[in-house]
C-alpha atoms as a PDB file:
ATOM      1  CA  UNK A   1       1.549  -2.154 -13.375  1.00  0.00           C
ATOM      2  CA  UNK A   2       1.564   0.824 -15.754  1.00  0.00           C
ATOM      3  CA  UNK A   3       2.679   4.217 -14.470  1.00  0.00           C
ATOM      4  CA  UNK A   4      -0.209   6.177 -13.010  1.00  0.00           C
ATOM      5  CA  UNK A   5      -1.494   9.270 -14.854  1.00  0.00           C
ATOM      6  CA  UNK A   6      -3.635  11.527 -12.776  1.00  0.00           C
ATOM      7  CA  UNK A   7      -4.729  13.800 -15.611  1.00  0.00           C
ATOM      8  CA  UNK A   8      -3.730  15.328 -18.905  1.00  0.00           C
ATOM      9  CA  UNK A   9      -1.645  18.483 -19.061  1.00  0.00           C
ATOM     10  CA  UNK A  10      -3.906  21.498 -18.462  1.00  0.00           C
ATOM     11  CA  UNK A  11      -3.834  24.515 -20.694  1.00  0.00           C
ATOM     12  CA  UNK A  12      -1.902  24.888 -23.907  1.00  0.00           C
ATOM     13  CA  UNK A  13       1.665  23.822 -24.663  1.00  0.00           C
ATOM     14  CA  UNK A  14       1.770  25.531 -28.038  1.00  0.00           C
ATOM     15  CA  UNK A  15       3.437  28.583 -26.458  1.00  0.00           C
ATOM     16  CA  UNK A  16       6.795  26.803 -26.422  1.00  0.00           C
ATOM     17  CA  UNK A  17       9.237  28.512 -28.826  1.00  0.00           C
ATOM     18  CA  UNK A  18       9.567  26.493 -32.020  1.00  0.00           C
ATOM     19  CA  UNK A  19      13.352  26.910 -32.106  1.00  0.00           C
ATOM     20  CA  UNK A  20      13.771  24.893 -28.909  1.00  0.00           C
ATOM     21  CA  UNK A  21      15.277  21.440 -29.589  1.00  0.00           C
ATOM     22  CA  UNK A  22      13.019  18.425 -30.014  1.00  0.00           C
ATOM     23  CA  UNK A  23      14.512  16.897 -26.879  1.00  0.00           C
ATOM     24  CA  UNK A  24      13.110  19.812 -24.906  1.00  0.00           C
ATOM     25  CA  UNK A  25       9.627  19.341 -26.345  1.00  0.00           C
ATOM     26  CA  UNK A  26       9.763  15.622 -25.536  1.00  0.00           C
ATOM     27  CA  UNK A  27      10.908  16.333 -21.989  1.00  0.00           C
ATOM     28  CA  UNK A  28       8.144  18.851 -21.326  1.00  0.00           C
ATOM     29  CA  UNK A  29       5.505  16.493 -22.685  1.00  0.00           C
ATOM     30  CA  UNK A  30       6.750  13.662 -20.475  1.00  0.00           C
ATOM     31  CA  UNK A  31       6.776  15.941 -17.435  1.00  0.00           C
ATOM     32  CA  UNK A  32       3.196  17.182 -17.903  1.00  0.00           C
ATOM     33  CA  UNK A  33       4.284  20.605 -19.083  1.00  0.00           C
ATOM     34  CA  UNK A  34       6.853  21.272 -16.345  1.00  0.00           C
ATOM     35  CA  UNK A  35      10.591  21.857 -16.680  1.00  0.00           C
ATOM     36  CA  UNK A  36      13.410  22.788 -14.317  1.00  0.00           C
ATOM     37  CA  UNK A  37      16.208  25.192 -15.140  1.00  0.00           C
ATOM     38  CA  UNK A  38      18.802  22.577 -14.142  1.00  0.00           C
ATOM     39  CA  UNK A  39      17.550  20.323 -16.982  1.00  0.00           C
ATOM     40  CA  UNK A  40      18.402  22.796 -19.751  1.00  0.00           C
ATOM     41  CA  UNK A  41      22.049  21.855 -20.220  1.00  0.00           C
ATOM     42  CA  UNK A  42      21.341  18.145 -20.603  1.00  0.00           C
ATOM     43  CA  UNK A  43      19.186  18.798 -23.688  1.00  0.00           C
ATOM     44  CA  UNK A  44      21.475  21.381 -25.328  1.00  0.00           C
ATOM     45  CA  UNK A  45      19.591  24.498 -24.276  1.00  0.00           C
ATOM     46  CA  UNK A  46      21.008  27.660 -22.731  1.00  0.00           C
ATOM     47  CA  UNK A  47      19.049  28.483 -19.527  1.00  0.00           C
ATOM     48  CA  UNK A  48      18.923  32.122 -20.697  1.00  0.00           C
ATOM     49  CA  UNK A  49      16.370  30.974 -23.287  1.00  0.00           C
ATOM     50  CA  UNK A  50      13.854  30.753 -20.426  1.00  0.00           C
ATOM     51  CA  UNK A  51      13.995  34.517 -19.855  1.00  0.00           C
ATOM     52  CA  UNK A  52      11.691  35.792 -22.611  1.00  0.00           C
ATOM     53  CA  UNK A  53       8.775  33.315 -22.120  1.00  0.00           C
ATOM     54  CA  UNK A  54       8.848  34.056 -18.385  1.00  0.00           C
ATOM     55  CA  UNK A  55       8.968  37.832 -18.822  1.00  0.00           C
ATOM     56  CA  UNK A  56       6.076  37.778 -21.310  1.00  0.00           C
ATOM     57  CA  UNK A  57       3.946  35.610 -19.029  1.00  0.00           C
ATOM     58  CA  UNK A  58       3.705  32.661 -21.429  1.00  0.00           C
ATOM     59  CA  UNK A  59       5.432  30.543 -18.784  1.00  0.00           C
ATOM     60  CA  UNK A  60       4.874  30.701 -15.047  1.00  0.00           C
ATOM     61  CA  UNK A  61       7.078  29.781 -12.091  1.00  0.00           C
ATOM     62  CA  UNK A  62       5.814  27.005  -9.806  1.00  0.00           C
ATOM     63  CA  UNK A  63       8.886  26.856  -7.563  1.00  0.00           C
ATOM     64  CA  UNK A  64      12.240  28.570  -7.785  1.00  0.00           C
ATOM     65  CA  UNK A  65      13.803  27.392 -11.035  1.00  0.00           C
ATOM     66  CA  UNK A  66      10.781  25.242 -11.981  1.00  0.00           C
ATOM     67  CA  UNK A  67       8.314  26.446 -14.607  1.00  0.00           C
ATOM     68  CA  UNK A  68       4.985  25.506 -16.139  1.00  0.00           C
ATOM     69  CA  UNK A  69       4.786  25.947 -19.900  1.00  0.00           C
ATOM     70  CA  UNK A  70       1.014  26.182 -20.230  1.00  0.00           C
ATOM     71  CA  UNK A  71      -1.952  28.382 -19.455  1.00  0.00           C
ATOM     72  CA  UNK A  72      -4.594  27.420 -16.944  1.00  0.00           C
ATOM     73  CA  UNK A  73      -4.479  26.019 -13.427  1.00  0.00           C
ATOM     74  CA  UNK A  74      -1.939  23.276 -12.664  1.00  0.00           C
ATOM     75  CA  UNK A  75      -3.437  19.865 -11.959  1.00  0.00           C
ATOM     76  CA  UNK A  76      -2.280  17.582  -9.141  1.00  0.00           C
ATOM     77  CA  UNK A  77       0.300  15.715 -11.206  1.00  0.00           C
ATOM     78  CA  UNK A  78       1.843  19.008 -12.314  1.00  0.00           C
ATOM     79  CA  UNK A  79       2.447  19.934  -8.671  1.00  0.00           C
ATOM     80  CA  UNK A  80       3.973  16.524  -8.008  1.00  0.00           C
ATOM     81  CA  UNK A  81       6.342  17.002 -10.944  1.00  0.00           C
ATOM     82  CA  UNK A  82       7.166  20.524  -9.807  1.00  0.00           C
ATOM     83  CA  UNK A  83       8.025  19.357  -6.282  1.00  0.00           C
ATOM     84  CA  UNK A  84      10.333  16.534  -7.332  1.00  0.00           C
ATOM     85  CA  UNK A  85      12.073  18.689  -9.972  1.00  0.00           C
ATOM     86  CA  UNK A  86      12.596  21.504  -7.477  1.00  0.00           C
ATOM     87  CA  UNK A  87      14.273  19.030  -5.114  1.00  0.00           C
ATOM     88  CA  UNK A  88      16.903  18.173  -7.720  1.00  0.00           C
ATOM     89  CA  UNK A  89      18.052  15.487 -10.176  1.00  0.00           C
ATOM     90  CA  UNK A  90      18.388  12.756  -7.532  1.00  0.00           C
ATOM     91  CA  UNK A  91      15.052  13.407  -5.815  1.00  0.00           C
ATOM     92  CA  UNK A  92      12.075  11.061  -5.808  1.00  0.00           C
ATOM     93  CA  UNK A  93       8.502  11.349  -4.620  1.00  0.00           C
ATOM     94  CA  UNK A  94       8.121   9.212  -1.516  1.00  0.00           C
ATOM     95  CA  UNK A  95       5.956   8.356   1.484  1.00  0.00           C
ATOM     96  CA  UNK A  96       2.314   9.490   1.054  1.00  0.00           C
ATOM     97  CA  UNK A  97       2.954  11.090  -2.344  1.00  0.00           C
ATOM     98  CA  UNK A  98       4.454   7.938  -3.878  1.00  0.00           C
ATOM     99  CA  UNK A  99       1.626   5.971  -2.252  1.00  0.00           C
ATOM    100  CA  UNK A 100      -0.875   8.310  -3.901  1.00  0.00           C
ATOM    101  CA  UNK A 101       0.557   7.670  -7.353  1.00  0.00           C
ATOM    102  CA  UNK A 102       0.658   3.891  -6.978  1.00  0.00           C
ATOM    103  CA  UNK A 103      -2.822   3.443  -5.518  1.00  0.00           C
ATOM    104  CA  UNK A 104      -1.730   2.767  -1.947  1.00  0.00           C
ATOM    105  CA  UNK A 105      -3.173   6.010  -0.549  1.00  0.00           C
ATOM    106  CA  UNK A 106      -6.785   7.119  -0.897  1.00  0.00           C
ATOM    107  CA  UNK A 107      -6.332  10.881  -0.542  1.00  0.00           C
ATOM    108  CA  UNK A 108      -3.701  13.244  -1.991  1.00  0.00           C
ATOM    109  CA  UNK A 109      -1.049  14.082   0.550  1.00  0.00           C
ATOM    110  CA  UNK A 110      -0.480  17.520   2.031  1.00  0.00           C
ATOM    111  CA  UNK A 111       2.347  18.383   2.008  1.00  0.00           C
ATOM    112  CA  UNK A 112       3.944  16.640  -0.966  1.00  0.00           C
ATOM    113  CA  UNK A 113       6.695  14.274   0.183  1.00  0.00           C
ATOM    114  CA  UNK A 114      10.054  13.960  -1.596  1.00  0.00           C
ATOM    115  CA  UNK A 115      13.253  12.169  -0.630  1.00  0.00           C
ATOM    116  CA  UNK A 116      16.759  13.341  -1.522  1.00  0.00           C
ATOM    117  CA  UNK A 117      20.232  11.852  -0.894  1.00  0.00           C
ATOM    118  CA  UNK A 118      21.371  12.194   2.694  1.00  0.00           C
ATOM    119  CA  UNK A 119      24.355  14.357   1.726  1.00  0.00           C
ATOM    120  CA  UNK A 120      22.286  16.817  -0.342  1.00  0.00           C
ATOM    121  CA  UNK A 121      21.268  20.152   1.097  1.00  0.00           C
ATOM    122  CA  UNK A 122      18.295  22.143  -0.114  1.00  0.00           C
ATOM    123  CA  UNK A 123      16.382  25.220   0.931  1.00  0.00           C
ATOM    124  CA  UNK A 124      12.827  24.929   2.203  1.00  0.00           C
ATOM    125  CA  UNK A 125      10.276  24.253  -0.525  1.00  0.00           C
ATOM    126  CA  UNK A 126       6.768  25.609  -0.050  1.00  0.00           C
ATOM    127  CA  UNK A 127       4.194  22.832   0.336  1.00  0.00           C
ATOM    128  CA  UNK A 128       6.865  20.103   0.290  1.00  0.00           C
ATOM    129  CA  UNK A 129       8.266  17.929   3.067  1.00  0.00           C
ATOM    130  CA  UNK A 130      11.824  16.806   2.333  1.00  0.00           C
ATOM    131  CA  UNK A 131      13.185  13.495   3.664  1.00  0.00           C
ATOM    132  CA  UNK A 132      16.775  12.272   3.367  1.00  0.00           C
ATOM    133  CA  UNK A 133      17.989   8.751   2.681  1.00  0.00           C
ATOM    134  CA  UNK A 134      21.339   7.046   2.273  1.00  0.00           C
ATOM    135  CA  UNK A 135      19.845   4.338   0.048  1.00  0.00           C
ATOM    136  CA  UNK A 136      17.892   6.418  -2.423  1.00  0.00           C
ATOM    137  CA  UNK A 137      19.376   4.671  -5.464  1.00  0.00           C
ATOM    138  CA  UNK A 138      18.102   1.323  -4.191  1.00  0.00           C
ATOM    139  CA  UNK A 139      14.721   2.766  -3.263  1.00  0.00           C
ATOM    140  CA  UNK A 140      14.140   4.601  -6.572  1.00  0.00           C
ATOM    141  CA  UNK A 141      11.837   2.914  -9.074  1.00  0.00           C
ATOM    142  CA  UNK A 142      13.794   2.390 -12.314  1.00  0.00           C
ATOM    143  CA  UNK A 143      11.104   3.520 -14.747  1.00  0.00           C
ATOM    144  CA  UNK A 144       7.921   5.000 -13.303  1.00  0.00           C
ATOM    145  CA  UNK A 145       7.252   8.706 -13.655  1.00  0.00           C
ATOM    146  CA  UNK A 146       7.118  11.071 -11.926  1.00  0.00           C
ATOM    147  CA  UNK A 147      10.265   9.702 -10.202  1.00  0.00           C
ATOM    148  CA  UNK A 148       9.232   7.856  -7.062  1.00  0.00           C
ATOM    149  CA  UNK A 149      10.196   5.128  -4.643  1.00  0.00           C
ATOM    150  CA  UNK A 150       9.446   1.486  -5.360  1.00  0.00           C
ATOM    151  CA  UNK A 151       6.167   0.383  -3.809  1.00  0.00           C
ATOM    152  CA  UNK A 152       7.974  -1.799  -1.251  1.00  0.00           C
ATOM    153  CA  UNK A 153      10.096   1.143  -0.154  1.00  0.00           C
ATOM    154  CA  UNK A 154       7.011   3.344   0.003  1.00  0.00           C
ATOM    155  CA  UNK A 155       5.324   0.867   2.339  1.00  0.00           C
ATOM    156  CA  UNK A 156       8.375   0.790   4.623  1.00  0.00           C
ATOM    157  CA  UNK A 157       8.646   4.595   4.562  1.00  0.00           C
ATOM    158  CA  UNK A 158       5.040   4.833   5.727  1.00  0.00           C
ATOM    159  CA  UNK A 159       5.710   2.301   8.488  1.00  0.00           C
ATOM    160  CA  UNK A 160       8.701   4.430   9.530  1.00  0.00           C
ATOM    161  CA  UNK A 161       6.507   7.479  10.162  1.00  0.00           C
ATOM    162  CA  UNK A 162       3.358   5.661  11.332  1.00  0.00           C
ATOM    163  CA  UNK A 163       2.028   6.920  14.631  1.00  0.00           C
ATOM    164  CA  UNK A 164       0.937   3.486  15.825  1.00  0.00           C
ATOM    165  CA  UNK A 165       1.277  -0.203  15.090  1.00  0.00           C
ATOM    166  CA  UNK A 166      -2.305  -0.316  13.775  1.00  0.00           C
ATOM    167  CA  UNK A 167      -1.534   2.369  11.169  1.00  0.00           C
ATOM    168  CA  UNK A 168       1.575   0.452  10.081  1.00  0.00           C
ATOM    169  CA  UNK A 169      -0.381  -2.820  10.076  1.00  0.00           C
ATOM    170  CA  UNK A 170      -3.106  -1.362   7.862  1.00  0.00           C
ATOM    171  CA  UNK A 171      -0.501  -0.083   5.392  1.00  0.00           C
ATOM    172  CA  UNK A 172       1.024  -3.549   4.972  1.00  0.00           C
ATOM    173  CA  UNK A 173      -2.406  -5.159   4.653  1.00  0.00           C
ATOM    174  CA  UNK A 174      -3.489  -2.634   2.022  1.00  0.00           C
ATOM    175  CA  UNK A 175      -0.330  -3.171  -0.042  1.00  0.00           C
ATOM    176  CA  UNK A 176      -0.425  -6.976   0.090  1.00  0.00           C
ATOM    177  CA  UNK A 177      -4.208  -7.337   0.011  1.00  0.00           C
ATOM    178  CA  UNK A 178      -4.423  -5.152  -3.121  1.00  0.00           C
ATOM    179  CA  UNK A 179      -1.505  -7.062  -4.669  1.00  0.00           C
ATOM    180  CA  UNK A 180       0.480  -3.879  -5.199  1.00  0.00           C
ATOM    181  CA  UNK A 181       3.520  -5.852  -4.097  1.00  0.00           C
ATOM    182  CA  UNK A 182       4.401  -9.325  -2.887  1.00  0.00           C
ATOM    183  CA  UNK A 183       5.370 -10.544   0.583  1.00  0.00           C
ATOM    184  CA  UNK A 184       8.721 -11.715  -0.799  1.00  0.00           C
ATOM    185  CA  UNK A 185       9.607  -8.245  -2.092  1.00  0.00           C
ATOM    186  CA  UNK A 186       8.547  -6.587   1.149  1.00  0.00           C
ATOM    187  CA  UNK A 187      10.632  -8.974   3.254  1.00  0.00           C
ATOM    188  CA  UNK A 188      13.631  -8.395   0.982  1.00  0.00           C
ATOM    189  CA  UNK A 189      13.297  -4.628   1.355  1.00  0.00           C
ATOM    190  CA  UNK A 190      12.918  -4.971   5.124  1.00  0.00           C
ATOM    191  CA  UNK A 191      16.224  -6.842   5.259  1.00  0.00           C
ATOM    192  CA  UNK A 192      17.922  -3.838   3.650  1.00  0.00           C
ATOM    193  CA  UNK A 193      16.833  -1.434   6.385  1.00  0.00           C
ATOM    194  CA  UNK A 194      19.005  -0.963   9.441  1.00  0.00           C
ATOM    195  CA  UNK A 195      16.205   0.529  11.539  1.00  0.00           C
ATOM    196  CA  UNK A 196      12.494  -0.138  11.295  1.00  0.00           C
ATOM    197  CA  UNK A 197       9.804   0.078  13.996  1.00  0.00           C
ATOM    198  CA  UNK A 198       7.888  -3.109  14.837  1.00  0.00           C
ATOM    199  CA  UNK A 199      10.240  -5.112  12.617  1.00  0.00           C
ATOM    200  CA  UNK A 200       9.379  -8.502  14.112  1.00  0.00           C
ATOM    201  CA  UNK A 201       5.638  -7.859  14.092  1.00  0.00           C
ATOM    202  CA  UNK A 202       5.717  -6.521  10.522  1.00  0.00           C
ATOM    203  CA  UNK A 203       7.669  -9.556   9.357  1.00  0.00           C
ATOM    204  CA  UNK A 204       4.999 -11.794  10.907  1.00  0.00           C
ATOM    205  CA  UNK A 205       2.210  -9.882   9.143  1.00  0.00           C
ATOM    206  CA  UNK A 206       3.981 -10.040   5.772  1.00  0.00           C
ATOM    207  CA  UNK A 207       4.740 -13.734   6.253  1.00  0.00           C
ATOM    208  CA  UNK A 208       1.062 -14.387   6.986  1.00  0.00           C
ATOM    209  CA  UNK A 209       0.144 -12.861   3.624  1.00  0.00           C
ATOM    210  CA  UNK A 210       2.762 -15.050   1.981  1.00  0.00           C
ATOM    211  CA  UNK A 211       1.084 -18.101   3.478  1.00  0.00           C
ATOM    212  CA  UNK A 212      -2.286 -17.422   1.868  1.00  0.00           C
ATOM    213  CA  UNK A 213      -4.021 -14.676   3.824  1.00  0.00           C
ATOM    214  CA  UNK A 214      -5.812 -12.206   1.572  1.00  0.00           C
ATOM    215  CA  UNK A 215      -7.210  -9.442   3.763  1.00  0.00           C
ATOM    216  CA  UNK A 216      -6.741  -7.384   6.903  1.00  0.00           C
ATOM    217  CA  UNK A 217      -9.511  -9.369   8.598  1.00  0.00           C
ATOM    218  CA  UNK A 218      -7.804 -12.689   7.885  1.00  0.00           C
ATOM    219  CA  UNK A 219      -4.547 -11.370   9.303  1.00  0.00           C
ATOM    220  CA  UNK A 220      -6.360 -10.075  12.391  1.00  0.00           C
ATOM    221  CA  UNK A 221      -7.939 -13.514  12.873  1.00  0.00           C
ATOM    222  CA  UNK A 222      -4.534 -15.189  12.888  1.00  0.00           C
ATOM    223  CA  UNK A 223      -2.886 -12.457  14.973  1.00  0.00           C
ATOM    224  CA  UNK A 224      -5.654 -11.934  17.560  1.00  0.00           C
ATOM    225  CA  UNK A 225      -7.583 -15.222  17.667  1.00  0.00           C
ATOM    226  CA  UNK A 226      -5.708 -18.263  16.425  1.00  0.00           C
ATOM    227  CA  UNK A 227      -2.074 -17.612  17.354  1.00  0.00           C
ATOM    228  CA  UNK A 228      -2.329 -16.019  20.851  1.00  0.00           C
ATOM    229  CA  UNK A 229      -4.801 -18.667  22.034  1.00  0.00           C
ATOM    230  CA  UNK A 230      -2.784 -21.629  20.678  1.00  0.00           C
ATOM    231  CA  UNK A 231      -5.584 -22.871  18.435  1.00  0.00           C
ATOM    232  CA  UNK A 232      -4.794 -25.456  15.755  1.00  0.00           C
ATOM    233  CA  UNK A 233      -3.376 -23.835  12.620  1.00  0.00           C
ATOM    234  CA  UNK A 234      -6.000 -23.764   9.870  1.00  0.00           C
ATOM    235  CA  UNK A 235      -5.415 -24.189   6.139  1.00  0.00           C
ATOM    236  CA  UNK A 236      -5.903 -20.785   4.506  1.00  0.00           C
ATOM    237  CA  UNK A 237      -8.047 -20.483   1.382  1.00  0.00           C
ATOM    238  CA  UNK A 238      -8.563 -24.237   1.309  1.00  0.00           C
ATOM    239  CA  UNK A 239      -9.738 -25.363  -2.129  1.00  0.00           C
ATOM    240  CA  UNK A 240     -12.612 -27.829  -2.415  1.00  0.00           C
ATOM    241  CA  UNK A 241     -14.376 -29.095  -5.550  1.00  0.00           C
ATOM    242  CA  UNK A 242     -18.156 -29.330  -5.409  1.00  0.00           C
ATOM    243  CA  UNK A 243     -20.370 -30.072  -8.386  1.00  0.00           C
ATOM    244  CA  UNK A 244     -17.369 -29.557 -10.678  1.00  0.00           C
ATOM    245  CA  UNK A 245     -16.779 -26.095  -9.229  1.00  0.00           C
ATOM    246  CA  UNK A 246     -13.803 -25.027  -7.148  1.00  0.00           C
ATOM    247  CA  UNK A 247     -14.624 -23.101  -3.970  1.00  0.00           C
ATOM    248  CA  UNK A 248     -12.341 -21.670  -1.303  1.00  0.00           C
ATOM    249  CA  UNK A 249     -12.826 -21.739   2.451  1.00  0.00           C
ATOM    250  CA  UNK A 250     -11.127 -19.033   4.539  1.00  0.00           C
ATOM    251  CA  UNK A 251      -9.791 -21.203   7.364  1.00  0.00           C
ATOM    252  CA  UNK A 252     -10.316 -24.963   7.247  1.00  0.00           C
ATOM    253  CA  UNK A 253      -9.544 -27.268  10.174  1.00  0.00           C
ATOM    254  CA  UNK A 254     -10.014 -30.355   8.046  1.00  0.00           C
ATOM    255  CA  UNK A 255      -9.110 -32.904  10.722  1.00  0.00           C
ATOM    256  CA  UNK A 256     -11.970 -31.678  12.889  1.00  0.00           C
ATOM    257  CA  UNK A 257     -14.454 -30.758  10.152  1.00  0.00           C
ATOM    258  CA  UNK A 258     -14.568 -27.082  11.075  1.00  0.00           C
ATOM    259  CA  UNK A 259     -14.417 -24.038   8.812  1.00  0.00           C
ATOM    260  CA  UNK A 260     -13.981 -20.493  10.116  1.00  0.00           C
ATOM    261  CA  UNK A 261     -15.336 -17.963   7.629  1.00  0.00           C
ATOM    262  CA  UNK A 262     -14.679 -14.233   7.924  1.00  0.00           C
ATOM    263  CA  UNK A 263     -17.077 -11.587   6.652  1.00  0.00           C
ATOM    264  CA  UNK A 264     -15.341  -8.274   6.079  1.00  0.00           C
ATOM    265  CA  UNK A 265     -18.577  -6.278   5.680  1.00  0.00           C
ATOM    266  CA  UNK A 266     -21.296  -5.722   8.236  1.00  0.00           C
ATOM    267  CA  UNK A 267     -23.945  -6.629   5.677  1.00  0.00           C
ATOM    268  CA  UNK A 268     -23.736  -8.482   2.397  1.00  0.00           C
ATOM    269  CA  UNK A 269     -25.852  -7.889  -0.683  1.00  0.00           C
ATOM    270  CA  UNK A 270     -28.594 -10.469  -0.898  1.00  0.00           C
ATOM    271  CA  UNK A 271     -26.923 -12.357  -3.767  1.00  0.00           C
ATOM    272  CA  UNK A 272     -23.645 -12.638  -1.844  1.00  0.00           C
ATOM    273  CA  UNK A 273     -25.491 -13.655   1.314  1.00  0.00           C
ATOM    274  CA  UNK A 274     -27.256 -16.423  -0.587  1.00  0.00           C
ATOM    275  CA  UNK A 275     -23.920 -17.703  -1.933  1.00  0.00           C
ATOM    276  CA  UNK A 276     -22.547 -17.790   1.607  1.00  0.00           C
ATOM    277  CA  UNK A 277     -25.574 -19.716   2.869  1.00  0.00           C
ATOM    278  CA  UNK A 278     -25.394 -22.115  -0.070  1.00  0.00           C
ATOM    279  CA  UNK A 279     -21.694 -22.737   0.586  1.00  0.00           C
ATOM    280  CA  UNK A 280     -22.278 -23.233   4.327  1.00  0.00           C
ATOM    281  CA  UNK A 281     -25.070 -25.703   3.636  1.00  0.00           C
ATOM    282  CA  UNK A 282     -22.894 -27.601   1.178  1.00  0.00           C
ATOM    283  CA  UNK A 283     -20.141 -27.749   3.780  1.00  0.00           C
ATOM    284  CA  UNK A 284     -22.612 -29.113   6.340  1.00  0.00           C
ATOM    285  CA  UNK A 285     -23.556 -31.859   3.868  1.00  0.00           C
ATOM    286  CA  UNK A 286     -19.870 -32.777   3.785  1.00  0.00           C
ATOM    287  CA  UNK A 287     -19.743 -32.892   7.566  1.00  0.00           C
ATOM    288  CA  UNK A 288     -18.038 -29.486   7.956  1.00  0.00           C
ATOM    289  CA  UNK A 289     -19.345 -27.046  10.566  1.00  0.00           C
ATOM    290  CA  UNK A 290     -19.046 -23.405   9.498  1.00  0.00           C
ATOM    291  CA  UNK A 291     -18.397 -20.726  12.107  1.00  0.00           C
ATOM    292  CA  UNK A 292     -18.839 -17.281  10.607  1.00  0.00           C
ATOM    293  CA  UNK A 293     -17.488 -14.089  12.188  1.00  0.00           C
ATOM    294  CA  UNK A 294     -17.640 -10.408  11.318  1.00  0.00           C
ATOM    295  CA  UNK A 295     -15.022  -7.677  11.542  1.00  0.00           C
ATOM    296  CA  UNK A 296     -16.491  -6.553  14.881  1.00  0.00           C
ATOM    297  CA  UNK A 297     -16.272 -10.098  16.271  1.00  0.00           C
ATOM    298  CA  UNK A 298     -12.578 -10.466  15.424  1.00  0.00           C
ATOM    299  CA  UNK A 299     -11.490  -6.949  16.355  1.00  0.00           C
ATOM    300  CA  UNK A 300     -13.659  -6.307  19.425  1.00  0.00           C
ATOM    301  CA  UNK A 301     -14.243  -9.825  20.817  1.00  0.00           C
ATOM    302  CA  UNK A 302     -11.266 -12.007  19.788  1.00  0.00           C
ATOM    303  CA  UNK A 303     -11.145 -13.928  23.090  1.00  0.00           C
ATOM    304  CA  UNK A 304     -14.864 -14.784  22.975  1.00  0.00           C
ATOM    305  CA  UNK A 305     -14.431 -15.963  19.363  1.00  0.00           C
ATOM    306  CA  UNK A 306     -11.468 -18.116  20.391  1.00  0.00           C
ATOM    307  CA  UNK A 307     -13.440 -19.610  23.317  1.00  0.00           C
ATOM    308  CA  UNK A 308     -16.300 -20.549  21.004  1.00  0.00           C
ATOM    309  CA  UNK A 309     -13.964 -22.191  18.501  1.00  0.00           C
ATOM    310  CA  UNK A 310     -12.317 -24.123  21.334  1.00  0.00           C
ATOM    311  CA  UNK A 311     -15.729 -25.399  22.493  1.00  0.00           C
ATOM    312  CA  UNK A 312     -16.538 -26.664  18.996  1.00  0.00           C
ATOM    313  CA  UNK A 313     -13.074 -28.176  18.611  1.00  0.00           C
ATOM    314  CA  UNK A 314     -13.534 -30.080  21.873  1.00  0.00           C
ATOM    315  CA  UNK A 315     -16.780 -31.605  20.598  1.00  0.00           C
ATOM    316  CA  UNK A 316     -14.934 -32.628  17.450  1.00  0.00           C
ATOM    317  CA  UNK A 317     -12.207 -34.470  19.340  1.00  0.00           C
ATOM    318  CA  UNK A 318      -9.462 -31.898  19.760  1.00  0.00           C
ATOM    319  CA  UNK A 319      -7.290 -32.702  22.796  1.00  0.00           C
ATOM    320  CA  UNK A 320      -4.924 -29.738  22.518  1.00  0.00           C
ATOM    321  CA  UNK A 321      -4.327 -27.159  25.215  1.00  0.00           C
ATOM    322  CA  UNK A 322      -5.533 -23.652  24.396  1.00  0.00           C
ATOM    323  CA  UNK A 323      -4.111 -20.797  26.427  1.00  0.00           C
ATOM    324  CA  UNK A 324      -5.483 -17.454  27.601  1.00  0.00           C
ATOM    325  CA  UNK A 325      -3.890 -14.394  26.026  1.00  0.00           C
ATOM    326  CA  UNK A 326      -4.148 -12.371  29.232  1.00  0.00           C
ATOM    327  CA  UNK A 327      -5.522 -12.303  32.785  1.00  0.00           C
ATOM    328  CA  UNK A 328      -9.124 -11.621  31.723  1.00  0.00           C
ATOM    329  CA  UNK A 329      -9.167 -14.022  28.750  1.00  0.00           C
ATOM    330  CA  UNK A 330     -11.834 -16.766  29.095  1.00  0.00           C
ATOM    331  CA  UNK A 331      -9.987 -19.263  26.882  1.00  0.00           C
ATOM    332  CA  UNK A 332      -8.809 -22.420  28.646  1.00  0.00           C
ATOM    333  CA  UNK A 333     -10.409 -21.561  31.979  1.00  0.00           C
ATOM    334  CA  UNK A 334     -13.105 -24.215  31.982  1.00  0.00           C
END
């Protein structure tokens, strides 16, 4: 995936002194018009050269030692650059701010999140939350700018600060369901963490995605309906060929001729609804019964869904033993 660009540099960069080295111009362009005083030496520039543009108002401070070399209001990406540069050469954007850049978060984060090495000390930075990590070199993405954590590390950081299992669960589902990362990479990153909340449960969720689940609803079906009630394990995204076209069924119990389809939206557009009906009818012609459930069914009534599937399985010859998931669960009682 290409590095995200939130916007172009606002204002005008032409106010940079022409006698500054080309390396400085290149750096400022890459950093959306922002530079830190600590970067001057690396490009052969005396930090005292910053004095005149600042005193004349052609440049403006964003944080202590971090300056914008343009006129106009800073855009969001400028503030992200300013935060990570203020935190120092080893800092990276992390948590919600890295998620924002890589398409994992919907809304910009407040405050901006950065991570620095565990041994580094820094003063408070306005509008910035500073985290510390002993594995920042492993977590840092090798090429994306602004500097940030790898997407796998971002996901695990968000799990680390999640207020509930459901929040952590949704983060994993969003990352895997949107194909921002792979289950294999997430599991590898998990293995590198000494402490992580809900480790076992998160590993199960990630493994489910690796075995063919594509959405939060599919994971919830396995986690809340199939697995806790000891139902037969379905084939995920089962491929069938009909009229020279390949179609996919969400959960196929081929031995019993049953398909469990999951509808993630409360209502489908008419064209999509017709495709679903056409597919269900074609399945019926092949001797496959389709049971179709909504998000509300799976999330709010998982035991009732499981009981219904068990009843259909029984009529199709299943002799297994389902089990209730709790004292009030109706599964296996009759």
